[in-house]
Amino acid sequence: MTYLLKLRALCEGCEKSEALLWCIQDHCALCKDCDEKVHVVNRISQRHERVEVLRQSVVTTLCNHCHRAPSSLYCEDKDICICELCSVHY
């Protein structure tokens, strides 16, 4: 399933600022301020892995396993695109 994304992703926290980070565990895109509010609060959320949102990508594919996160890896044996979190299953 392929989705066309806007060049500027909106933060899912405040819905006002440009999203700069994708939280793999929370499956959401956040701006810097919202990321700090969410992930500095407690030790558990501080361990969440966040990756930079790439603005160069216009077209992306959602993970064929969880259907929530953007895919970042291609599994040649299964002919599917998967996210980093789901890659442990393959």
Protein backbone atom coordinates (compact mmCIF):
# COMPACT_ATOMS: atom_id res chain seq x y z
CA MET A 1 0.00 0.00 0.00
CA THR A 2 1.66 3.24 -1.14
CA TYR A 3 0.81 6.68 0.19
CA LEU A 4 1.70 10.09 -1.19
CA LEU A 5 2.99 12.30 1.61
CA LYS A 6 3.15 16.07 1.72
CA LEU A 7 6.70 17.41 1.71
CA ARG A 8 6.03 18.92 5.12
CA ALA A 9 4.69 16.38 7.63
CA LEU A 10 2.58 17.84 10.43
CA CYS A 11 3.31 17.03 14.07
CA GLU A 12 0.76 14.57 15.47
CA GLY A 13 1.12 16.12 18.93
CA CYS A 14 0.35 19.82 18.41
CA GLU A 15 -0.89 19.54 14.80
CA LYS A 16 0.77 22.91 14.08
CA SER A 17 4.51 22.46 13.66
CA GLU A 18 6.53 20.49 11.16
CA ALA A 19 7.28 16.94 12.30
CA LEU A 20 11.01 16.31 12.57
CA LEU A 21 11.10 12.95 14.37
CA TRP A 22 9.30 9.60 14.04
CA CYS A 23 8.94 7.61 17.28
CA ILE A 24 9.13 3.93 16.40
CA GLN A 25 7.46 2.74 19.62
CA ASP A 26 4.62 5.32 19.57
CA HIS A 27 4.16 5.14 15.77
CA CYS A 28 3.89 8.92 15.48
CA ALA A 29 5.63 11.93 13.96
CA LEU A 30 6.49 14.79 16.32
CA CYS A 31 8.03 18.25 16.25
CA LYS A 32 11.01 18.94 18.51
CA ASP A 33 8.92 20.60 21.26
CA CYS A 34 6.33 17.79 21.42
CA ASP A 35 9.06 15.14 21.32
CA GLU A 36 10.70 16.74 24.35
CA LYS A 37 7.35 16.96 26.21
CA VAL A 38 6.55 13.30 25.53
CA HIS A 39 9.94 11.66 25.79
CA VAL A 40 11.63 13.61 28.59
CA VAL A 41 8.78 12.97 31.04
CA ASN A 42 9.81 9.52 32.28
CA ARG A 43 12.58 6.97 31.97
CA ILE A 44 10.54 4.49 29.94
CA SER A 45 9.66 6.91 27.18
CA GLN A 46 13.24 8.23 27.16
CA ARG A 47 14.28 4.81 25.81
CA HIS A 48 12.02 5.13 22.76
CA GLU A 49 13.90 5.10 19.49
CA ARG A 50 13.29 8.15 17.34
CA VAL A 51 14.49 8.71 13.81
CA GLU A 52 14.61 11.84 11.72
CA VAL A 53 11.72 12.39 9.31
CA LEU A 54 13.17 12.56 5.81
CA ARG A 55 11.73 15.43 3.84
CA GLN A 56 13.30 14.26 0.61
CA SER A 57 10.91 11.29 0.43
CA VAL A 58 7.69 12.14 -1.35
CA VAL A 59 6.33 8.62 -1.70
CA THR A 60 6.58 6.05 1.06
CA THR A 61 5.13 2.64 1.73
CA LEU A 62 3.68 1.57 5.05
CA CYS A 63 5.10 -1.53 6.68
CA ASN A 64 3.49 -4.65 5.20
CA HIS A 65 3.61 -6.34 8.62
CA CYS A 66 2.16 -3.79 11.11
CA HIS A 67 0.60 -1.39 8.56
CA ARG A 68 1.37 1.55 10.87
CA ALA A 69 4.98 2.67 10.51
CA PRO A 70 6.74 3.77 7.33
CA SER A 71 8.73 0.92 5.84
CA SER A 72 12.48 1.30 5.86
CA LEU A 73 13.64 -2.17 4.85
CA TYR A 74 12.90 -4.55 2.02
CA CYS A 75 12.74 -8.30 2.71
CA GLU A 76 13.79 -9.93 -0.54
CA ASP A 77 12.81 -13.48 0.54
CA LYS A 78 9.21 -12.46 1.34
CA ASP A 79 9.01 -9.62 -1.23
CA ILE A 80 7.66 -7.17 1.37
CA CYS A 81 8.59 -3.78 2.82
CA ILE A 82 8.84 -3.62 6.61
CA CYS A 83 9.68 -1.08 9.32
CA GLU A 84 12.69 -1.45 11.61
CA LEU A 85 10.55 -2.56 14.54
CA CYS A 86 8.99 -5.43 12.56
CA SER A 87 12.33 -6.48 11.12
CA VAL A 88 12.93 -8.64 14.19
CA HIS A 89 10.18 -10.96 12.89
CA TYR A 90 11.98 -11.63 9.59
